[in-house]
Amino acid sequence: SQPEANVTENEVWSILHSTVIACDGEYVETRLMNSGPKTNPWMQESGARRINVGETVQLDTDVVGPFGYYVDFSRTFTAGYGLPGFQATEKQKKHYKLALEMVKHNM
C-alpha cells in the first residue's frame, strides 16, 4: 500500500522493514532511503525528515529474504504520484524520459 502524505523517511522505511519480516524475510541490511535534498550526495540513511509531495524519494537496500535469498534493490519514486491533482514537473518528466531511454538502450 502507498503511505499517506506528510510522513517521515523513517515511517516509510518501517513499512518496508515490517513487510519484509512479515513475509518471512530474515534481515534488512541497509537503510539507505532518503528524500528531497538528502538524495544527493547519496549514501544517507533514512531519518526524521518529512517527505513532501513532488520530491524525489530514493531507496537502496539489501535484504536476506525467505530461505536465505539475498536481494539488492534500488528504486526511485516521486512522492505523491497517483494522488489526485498530482503533476510532475517538466524537470522530473525530462529525467524520467532520459532514464527510460538509457534502460531501453541497455537491454
Protein backbone atom coordinates (compact mmCIF):
# COMPACT_ATOMS: atom_id res chain seq x y z
CA SER A 1 0.00 0.00 0.00
CA GLN A 2 1.05 3.57 -0.56
CA PRO A 3 1.97 5.53 2.58
CA GLU A 4 -0.05 8.61 3.40
CA ALA A 5 1.27 12.09 2.67
CA ASN A 6 3.35 14.00 5.21
CA VAL A 7 5.24 11.05 6.67
CA THR A 8 8.88 10.82 7.65
CA GLU A 9 11.52 8.79 5.85
CA ASN A 10 11.70 6.53 8.92
CA GLU A 11 7.94 5.92 8.85
CA VAL A 12 8.12 4.81 5.22
CA TRP A 13 11.20 2.72 5.97
CA SER A 14 9.32 0.97 8.80
CA ILE A 15 6.65 -0.16 6.31
CA LEU A 16 9.30 -1.77 4.09
CA HIS A 17 11.07 -3.39 7.05
CA SER A 18 7.91 -4.76 8.66
CA THR A 19 6.70 -6.13 5.30
CA VAL A 20 10.00 -7.96 4.73
CA ILE A 21 9.79 -9.56 8.18
CA ALA A 22 6.05 -10.35 7.85
CA CYS A 23 6.80 -12.17 4.58
CA ASP A 24 9.31 -14.41 6.41
CA GLY A 25 12.36 -12.39 5.43
CA GLU A 26 15.32 -12.72 7.75
CA TYR A 27 17.21 -9.44 7.73
CA VAL A 28 17.31 -5.95 6.21
CA GLU A 29 20.95 -4.99 5.84
CA THR A 30 20.99 -1.33 4.79
CA ARG A 31 18.74 1.64 5.45
CA LEU A 32 19.52 3.93 2.52
CA MET A 33 16.23 5.72 1.93
CA ASN A 34 16.06 9.46 1.60
CA SER A 35 14.12 12.29 0.03
CA GLY A 36 14.38 15.78 -1.36
CA PRO A 37 17.73 17.47 -0.70
CA LYS A 38 19.05 14.33 1.03
CA THR A 39 19.10 12.40 -2.26
CA ASN A 40 22.42 13.97 -3.25
CA PRO A 41 25.01 13.12 -2.11
CA TRP A 42 23.89 9.53 -1.99
CA MET A 43 24.52 7.03 0.87
CA GLN A 44 22.49 8.69 3.61
CA GLU A 45 20.25 6.65 5.90
CA SER A 46 16.59 7.40 6.46
CA GLY A 47 15.77 9.88 9.18
CA ALA A 48 13.12 12.06 10.75
CA ARG A 49 12.81 14.31 7.68
CA ARG A 50 9.25 14.69 6.38
CA ILE A 51 8.71 13.73 2.73
CA ASN A 52 6.94 16.40 0.69
CA VAL A 53 4.68 15.77 -2.29
CA GLY A 54 6.63 16.18 -5.52
CA GLU A 55 10.02 15.32 -4.04
CA THR A 56 12.28 12.56 -5.26
CA VAL A 57 12.48 9.58 -2.90
CA GLN A 58 15.33 7.09 -3.32
CA LEU A 59 15.67 3.64 -1.80
CA ASP A 60 18.66 1.29 -1.90
CA THR A 61 18.66 -1.74 0.34
CA ASP A 62 19.89 -5.28 0.74
CA VAL A 63 17.59 -7.91 2.18
CA VAL A 64 18.04 -11.50 3.24
CA GLY A 65 14.64 -12.90 2.37
CA PRO A 66 12.94 -16.25 2.86
CA PHE A 67 15.23 -19.31 2.60
CA GLY A 68 18.32 -17.06 2.73
CA TYR A 69 17.63 -15.48 -0.69
CA TYR A 70 19.72 -12.30 -0.90
CA VAL A 71 18.28 -9.30 -2.77
CA ASP A 72 19.89 -5.95 -3.55
CA PHE A 73 17.42 -3.48 -4.96
CA SER A 74 17.18 0.23 -5.69
CA ARG A 75 14.13 2.27 -6.57
CA THR A 76 13.41 5.94 -7.22
CA PHE A 77 9.95 7.46 -6.74
CA THR A 78 8.25 10.81 -6.90
CA ALA A 79 6.36 11.39 -3.66
CA GLY A 80 2.65 11.89 -4.24
CA TYR A 81 2.50 10.22 -7.65
CA GLY A 82 -1.04 8.94 -8.10
CA LEU A 83 -2.64 11.38 -5.67
CA PRO A 84 -5.49 13.49 -7.08
CA GLY A 85 -4.15 16.63 -8.71
CA PHE A 86 -0.52 15.47 -8.74
CA GLN A 87 1.55 16.82 -11.63
CA ALA A 88 5.18 16.00 -12.28
CA THR A 89 7.39 19.00 -13.06
CA GLU A 90 8.93 19.41 -16.51
CA LYS A 91 12.35 18.62 -14.99
CA GLN A 92 11.00 15.37 -13.50
CA LYS A 93 9.44 14.39 -16.82
CA LYS A 94 12.73 15.07 -18.60
CA HIS A 95 14.72 12.97 -16.11
CA TYR A 96 12.22 10.12 -16.35
CA LYS A 97 12.39 10.16 -20.15
CA LEU A 98 16.21 10.11 -20.11
CA ALA A 99 16.31 7.24 -17.60
CA LEU A 100 13.81 5.24 -19.64
CA GLU A 101 15.85 5.77 -22.81
CA MET A 102 19.00 4.52 -21.01
CA VAL A 103 17.23 1.40 -19.76
CA LYS A 104 15.83 0.61 -23.21
CA HIS A 105 19.21 1.21 -24.85
CA ASN A 106 20.98 -1.13 -22.43
CA MET A 107 18.53 -4.02 -22.54
